[in-house]
Protein backbone atom coordinates (compact mmCIF):
# COMPACT_ATOMS: atom_id res chain seq x y z
CA MET A 1 -128.78 22.60 30.12
CA ASN A 2 -130.89 19.52 30.40
CA ASN A 3 -129.71 15.88 31.31
CA ILE A 4 -130.17 14.78 27.59
CA HIS A 5 -127.77 17.60 26.52
CA LYS A 6 -125.44 17.18 29.24
CA LYS A 7 -125.16 13.41 28.54
CA ALA A 8 -124.66 14.25 24.63
CA LEU A 9 -121.86 16.54 25.50
CA SER A 10 -120.25 14.00 27.77
CA LEU A 11 -120.62 11.54 24.98
CA ALA A 12 -119.09 13.75 22.51
CA LEU A 13 -116.06 14.80 24.71
CA ALA A 14 -115.28 11.28 25.48
CA LEU A 15 -115.31 10.36 21.72
CA VAL A 16 -112.94 13.28 20.98
CA LEU A 17 -110.61 12.08 23.90
CA ALA A 18 -110.71 8.49 22.65
CA ALA A 19 -109.98 9.66 19.13
CA GLY A 20 -106.94 11.73 20.38
CA CYS A 21 -105.73 8.81 22.52
CA SER A 22 -106.14 6.46 19.46
CA LEU A 23 -104.16 8.78 17.22
CA MET A 24 -101.31 8.99 19.71
CA ALA A 25 -101.09 5.26 20.12
CA PHE A 26 -101.15 4.86 16.38
CA ALA A 27 -98.33 7.36 16.07
CA GLN A 28 -96.31 5.49 18.69
CA SER A 29 -97.04 2.07 17.57
CA SER A 30 -96.27 2.99 13.97
CA PHE A 31 -92.73 3.89 15.00
CA GLU A 32 -92.25 0.71 17.01
CA GLU A 33 -93.71 -1.47 14.05
CA ARG A 34 -90.99 -2.60 11.75
CA LEU A 35 -92.16 -2.55 8.24
CA PHE A 36 -90.37 -4.05 5.19
CA PHE A 37 -89.68 -3.17 1.53
CA SER A 38 -88.28 -5.82 -0.79
CA SER A 39 -86.17 -5.07 -3.85
CA GLY A 40 -83.75 -7.61 -5.38
CA ASP A 41 -81.90 -9.41 -2.59
CA TYR A 42 -82.67 -6.78 -0.11
CA ASP A 43 -85.33 -6.61 2.64
CA ILE A 44 -85.24 -3.07 3.93
CA CYS A 45 -86.55 -2.52 7.35
CA TYR A 46 -88.32 0.91 7.77
CA ARG A 47 -90.74 2.76 10.05
CA VAL A 48 -93.20 5.36 9.56
CA VAL A 49 -94.83 8.07 11.63
CA PRO A 50 -97.82 9.80 10.32
CA ALA A 51 -98.35 13.35 10.22
CA GLN A 52 -100.65 14.75 12.74
CA GLY A 53 -103.37 17.04 11.61
CA GLY A 54 -103.22 18.24 7.96
CA GLN A 55 -100.05 17.03 6.31
CA VAL A 56 -97.77 19.90 5.04
CA GLY A 57 -95.01 17.65 3.82
CA ARG A 58 -92.73 14.62 4.22
CA VAL A 59 -89.38 13.82 5.65
CA PHE A 60 -87.18 10.73 4.80
CA PHE A 61 -84.51 10.07 7.40
CA LEU A 62 -81.21 8.23 6.90
CA HIS A 63 -79.24 7.12 9.95
CA GLY A 64 -75.37 7.04 10.38
CA LEU A 65 -72.70 4.24 10.63
CA LEU A 66 -73.39 1.42 13.24
CA SER A 67 -76.83 3.11 13.93
CA SER A 68 -80.44 2.37 12.78
CA ALA A 69 -83.73 4.22 12.28
CA ILE A 70 -84.39 4.15 16.09
CA VAL A 71 -82.18 7.39 16.49
CA TRP A 72 -84.86 9.41 14.79
CA GLU A 73 -87.70 8.67 17.24
CA GLU A 74 -87.73 11.95 19.19
CA LEU A 75 -87.09 14.01 15.82
CA ALA A 76 -89.56 12.36 13.92
CA ALA A 77 -92.18 12.81 16.68
CA ALA A 78 -91.57 16.58 16.45
CA PHE A 79 -91.93 16.82 12.87
CA SER A 80 -95.07 14.42 12.76
CA GLU A 81 -96.54 16.95 15.38
CA ALA A 82 -95.61 19.91 12.87
CA GLY A 83 -97.54 17.94 10.09
CA TYR A 84 -94.87 16.04 8.50
CA LEU A 85 -95.17 12.26 7.43
CA CYS A 86 -91.89 10.81 8.50
CA ALA A 87 -90.19 7.71 7.15
CA MET A 88 -86.97 6.03 8.48
CA MET A 89 -85.09 3.23 6.85
CA ASP A 90 -82.45 1.00 8.21
CA LEU A 91 -79.73 1.25 5.72
CA PRO A 92 -78.33 -2.07 4.22
CA GLY A 93 -76.19 -3.82 6.73
CA PHE A 94 -77.75 -2.06 9.80
CA GLY A 95 -80.82 -2.15 11.96
CA TYR A 96 -82.83 -4.95 10.71
CA SER A 97 -82.25 -4.65 6.92
CA THR A 98 -80.42 -7.24 4.89
CA ARG A 99 -76.79 -7.59 5.62
CA GLU A 100 -74.26 -7.31 2.71
CA ALA A 101 -72.79 -10.76 1.85
CA PRO A 102 -71.23 -12.66 -1.19
CA ASP A 103 -74.81 -14.14 -2.11
CA VAL A 104 -76.32 -10.77 -2.03
CA THR A 105 -76.24 -9.03 -5.51
CA PRO A 106 -75.18 -5.40 -4.58
CA LYS A 107 -77.63 -2.56 -5.07
CA ASP A 108 -76.75 1.06 -4.22
CA ARG A 109 -78.14 2.34 -0.94
CA GLU A 110 -79.26 5.56 -2.96
CA ALA A 111 -81.39 3.22 -5.23
CA LEU A 112 -83.02 1.41 -2.43
CA ALA A 113 -83.95 4.65 -0.69
CA ALA A 114 -85.26 6.23 -3.88
CA GLU A 115 -87.58 3.15 -4.44
CA LEU A 116 -88.82 3.39 -0.94
CA MET A 117 -89.64 6.98 -1.26
CA GLU A 118 -91.45 6.26 -4.46
CA ALA A 119 -93.28 3.34 -2.92
CA LEU A 120 -94.46 5.41 0.11
CA ALA A 121 -95.27 8.71 -1.89
CA PRO A 122 -95.56 7.86 -5.75
CA GLY A 123 -94.36 10.93 -7.80
CA GLU A 124 -93.76 13.01 -4.76
CA ALA A 125 -90.51 14.75 -3.54
CA TRP A 126 -89.20 14.58 0.00
CA ILE A 127 -87.29 16.50 2.43
CA VAL A 128 -84.32 14.19 3.09
CA ALA A 129 -82.56 14.30 6.33
CA GLY A 130 -79.31 12.32 7.01
CA HIS A 131 -76.85 12.13 9.80
CA SER A 132 -73.23 11.37 9.31
CA MET A 133 -72.93 8.38 6.74
CA GLY A 134 -76.63 8.96 5.99
CA GLY A 135 -75.80 12.53 5.30
CA GLY A 136 -73.47 11.33 2.46
CA VAL A 137 -76.09 9.21 1.09
CA ALA A 138 -78.65 11.97 1.21
CA LEU A 139 -76.10 13.97 -0.90
CA ASN A 140 -75.93 11.21 -3.55
CA ILE A 141 -79.68 10.74 -3.46
CA ALA A 142 -80.18 14.43 -4.33
CA ALA A 143 -77.70 14.27 -7.24
CA MET A 144 -78.71 11.07 -8.57
CA TYR A 145 -82.68 11.42 -8.09
CA PRO A 146 -83.27 15.11 -8.01
CA GLU A 147 -87.02 14.76 -8.66
CA LYS A 148 -87.11 12.82 -5.28
CA VAL A 149 -85.66 15.57 -3.20
CA SER A 150 -87.04 19.06 -2.47
CA SER A 151 -84.50 20.02 0.33
CA LEU A 152 -81.73 18.58 2.40
CA LEU A 153 -81.23 18.52 6.30
CA LEU A 154 -77.79 17.30 6.77
CA TYR A 155 -76.68 16.64 10.25
CA ALA A 156 -72.80 16.17 10.60
CA PRO A 157 -72.64 14.63 7.20
CA GLY A 158 -69.94 12.14 6.44
CA SER A 159 -68.92 9.55 3.79
CA VAL A 160 -68.52 5.85 4.44
CA GLY A 161 -67.98 3.44 1.49
CA GLY A 162 -66.21 3.10 -1.73
CA SER A 163 -62.61 3.44 -0.26
CA LEU A 164 -61.86 -0.17 -1.36
CA HIS A 165 -64.18 -0.13 -4.42
CA GLY A 166 -63.52 -2.96 -6.72
CA SER A 167 -60.80 -4.52 -4.39
CA GLY A 168 -60.60 -8.18 -5.04
CA LEU A 169 -58.61 -8.71 -1.79
CA MET A 170 -61.31 -7.20 0.35
CA ARG A 171 -63.91 -9.36 -1.27
CA SER A 172 -62.06 -12.46 -0.67
CA LEU A 173 -61.19 -11.48 3.02
CA ALA A 174 -64.42 -9.91 4.09
CA GLU A 175 -65.87 -13.14 5.44
CA PRO A 176 -62.91 -14.67 7.51
CA LEU A 177 -61.75 -11.19 8.54
CA GLY A 178 -65.13 -10.23 9.51
CA ALA A 179 -65.49 -13.37 11.69
CA VAL A 180 -62.35 -12.46 13.47
CA LEU A 181 -63.40 -8.91 13.94
CA ARG A 182 -66.75 -9.98 15.10
CA PHE A 183 -64.99 -12.03 17.91
CA LEU A 184 -62.63 -9.09 18.92
CA VAL A 185 -65.58 -6.45 19.17
CA SER A 186 -67.97 -8.79 20.85
CA PRO A 187 -67.19 -7.04 24.25
CA ALA A 188 -68.12 -3.75 22.81
CA ILE A 189 -71.51 -5.14 21.50
CA ASN A 190 -72.40 -7.56 24.13
CA GLY A 191 -71.07 -5.66 27.20
CA ASP A 192 -72.72 -2.54 29.07
CA LEU A 193 -69.79 -0.21 30.21
CA LEU A 194 -67.69 -0.15 27.11
CA PRO A 195 -70.46 0.67 24.82
CA ARG A 196 -71.59 3.34 27.06
CA LEU A 197 -68.03 4.92 27.17
CA ILE A 198 -67.90 5.02 23.27
CA PHE A 199 -71.34 6.29 23.15
CA GLY A 200 -70.47 8.99 25.62
CA LEU A 201 -67.44 9.98 23.55
CA ALA A 202 -69.52 10.28 20.38
CA ASN A 203 -72.12 12.48 22.24
CA ALA A 204 -69.36 14.47 24.15
CA ASP A 205 -71.56 13.68 27.21
CA LEU A 206 -70.65 10.84 29.37
CA PRO A 207 -73.51 11.45 32.00
CA TYR A 208 -76.06 11.18 29.08
CA ALA A 209 -74.52 7.93 27.87
CA MET A 210 -74.69 6.32 31.51
CA GLY A 211 -78.33 6.97 31.58
CA TYR A 212 -79.08 5.97 27.96
CA ASP A 213 -80.76 2.84 27.06
CA ILE A 214 -77.59 1.40 25.26
CA ALA A 215 -79.63 -1.55 23.85
CA ARG A 216 -81.17 0.83 21.39
CA VAL A 217 -77.70 0.89 19.93
CA THR A 218 -76.25 -2.65 20.52
CA ALA A 219 -79.25 -4.77 19.80
CA PRO A 220 -79.21 -4.33 16.19
CA LEU A 221 -75.45 -4.73 16.05
CA LYS A 222 -76.00 -8.08 17.53
CA GLU A 223 -77.82 -9.35 14.53
CA SER A 224 -76.11 -11.97 12.62
CA HIS A 225 -73.35 -11.00 10.03
CA THR A 226 -73.36 -7.28 10.90
CA VAL A 227 -69.43 -7.07 11.01
CA GLN A 228 -68.89 -8.98 7.78
CA SER A 229 -71.54 -6.80 6.17
CA ALA A 230 -69.78 -3.81 7.19
CA LEU A 231 -66.65 -4.97 5.58
CA HIS A 232 -68.46 -5.64 2.28
CA MET A 233 -70.09 -2.26 2.42
CA SER A 234 -66.36 -0.75 2.64
CA TYR A 235 -66.07 -1.72 -1.30
CA ARG A 236 -69.68 -1.86 -2.34
CA ALA A 237 -71.06 1.37 -1.26
CA LYS A 238 -70.75 4.73 -3.21
CA PRO A 239 -68.62 7.32 -1.63
CA VAL A 240 -70.03 11.01 -1.52
CA ASP A 241 -69.67 12.58 -5.00
CA LEU A 242 -68.42 15.92 -3.90
CA GLY A 243 -68.31 17.32 -7.37
CA ALA A 244 -71.96 16.59 -7.86
CA ALA A 245 -72.85 17.77 -4.35
CA ALA A 246 -71.25 21.16 -5.22
CA ARG A 247 -73.55 21.45 -8.20
CA LEU A 248 -76.89 20.94 -6.28
CA ASP A 249 -79.46 23.46 -6.72
CA LEU A 250 -81.84 23.17 -3.80
CA PRO A 251 -82.27 24.23 -0.33
CA ILE A 252 -79.66 22.70 1.97
CA LEU A 253 -79.17 23.10 5.73
CA VAL A 254 -75.91 21.57 7.31
CA LEU A 255 -75.70 21.39 11.03
CA TRP A 256 -72.32 20.66 12.46
CA ALA A 257 -71.50 19.44 16.19
CA GLN A 258 -69.65 21.78 18.46
CA TRP A 259 -67.50 18.82 19.60
CA ASP A 260 -67.24 16.13 16.92
CA TYR A 261 -64.81 13.21 17.77
CA ILE A 262 -66.03 11.19 15.02
CA LEU A 263 -65.65 12.80 11.56
CA SER A 264 -62.22 13.55 10.32
CA ALA A 265 -61.15 17.06 9.96
CA ARG A 266 -60.15 16.60 6.27
CA ARG A 267 -63.58 15.16 5.37
CA THR A 268 -65.46 17.73 7.11
CA ARG A 269 -63.42 20.40 5.34
CA ASP A 270 -64.05 18.63 2.16
CA ILE A 271 -67.95 18.62 2.60
CA LYS A 272 -68.09 22.20 3.93
CA ALA A 273 -66.24 23.27 0.87
CA ALA A 274 -68.42 21.30 -1.54
CA LEU A 275 -71.56 22.85 0.12
CA ALA A 276 -70.29 26.36 0.37
CA SER A 277 -73.56 27.78 -0.84
CA ALA A 278 -75.58 25.94 1.90
CA GLU A 279 -76.55 27.25 5.27
CA GLN A 280 -74.28 25.92 7.78
CA GLN A 281 -74.61 26.17 11.38
CA THR A 282 -73.00 24.74 14.52
CA VAL A 283 -75.12 22.92 17.19
CA ARG A 284 -74.01 22.14 20.81
CA GLY A 285 -73.12 18.54 21.68
CA GLY A 286 -71.24 15.72 19.99
CA HIS A 287 -71.52 13.85 16.81
CA PHE A 288 -74.80 12.23 17.69
CA PHE A 289 -76.68 15.39 18.35
CA PRO A 290 -79.74 14.83 16.44
CA GLU A 291 -80.88 12.30 19.00
CA ARG A 292 -79.20 13.97 22.15
CA HIS A 293 -80.46 17.56 21.27
CA ALA A 294 -83.59 16.72 19.12
CA ALA A 295 -85.50 19.76 20.29
CA GLU A 296 -82.90 22.24 19.04
CA VAL A 297 -82.13 20.18 15.67
CA PHE A 298 -85.94 20.45 15.19
CA GLU A 299 -86.20 24.20 15.78
CA ARG A 300 -83.33 24.95 13.57
CA SER A 301 -84.58 22.72 10.78
CA MET A 302 -88.02 24.30 10.94
CA ALA A 303 -86.68 27.64 10.84
CA PHE A 304 -84.73 26.84 7.83
CA LEU A 305 -87.72 25.11 6.08
CA GLU A 306 -90.00 27.93 6.85
CA GLY A 307 -87.61 30.62 6.30
């Protein structure tokens, strides 16, 4: 091989390497970048991780209570590598999305998610993955907007919202009570040890919590009006429609935690019964297993999707 050919080959390899590095950088920066989608009074923060190589599908992720889209980072990276476009939204009141407040005209979480899915992929259906509260929202989306959902991946699904639906007392007390509660919970939000202990309990893994970057959890919770917003959500948000969930006719995988100290036994029993026809499995770890054991969750999810 002459020098010209060697130089050409070296240049080609360098370009391929540079392109690969650029793709990796784009995938990383795209998750770190906060994008915003506006609907009514809401500005919804979301993140996108593009599919690597040829796209084979798309996954829309919904986080749980007191959490945010950041928890999907590892799982989204795995799905992206497998060829799935991944989108993750901060549900209203959490992450960096609009907080619920008296001057915010309520809009269903399900409607906001469906609008964002449509904006990102017009006319297309998504695999919808939801953890805890997000799993309940995912079930409602599948019932309310069946054309937007091809299958469901539910990780320890729960239900938050609607318990005080229409309560005038809660509407009047949400702001002053929220301010008091914000003061009371400030040690848990602003400290280090207490949040780690709580996180360790939620994961059933204290050593993991001690080494975790707890700011991933607490930083969004420090955003203004978060506690008051959670109280507003208690009467504004839709609870899971278990009757509609039982009638769903699409592939559903449900993964439950081996040690879940967060979900109530009664609510878990009700959801299991409603989803009796779904494929249900148990995964090691605690309630936050989708982040703690992302590799195992990905493998089980892919086995289900490809089975």
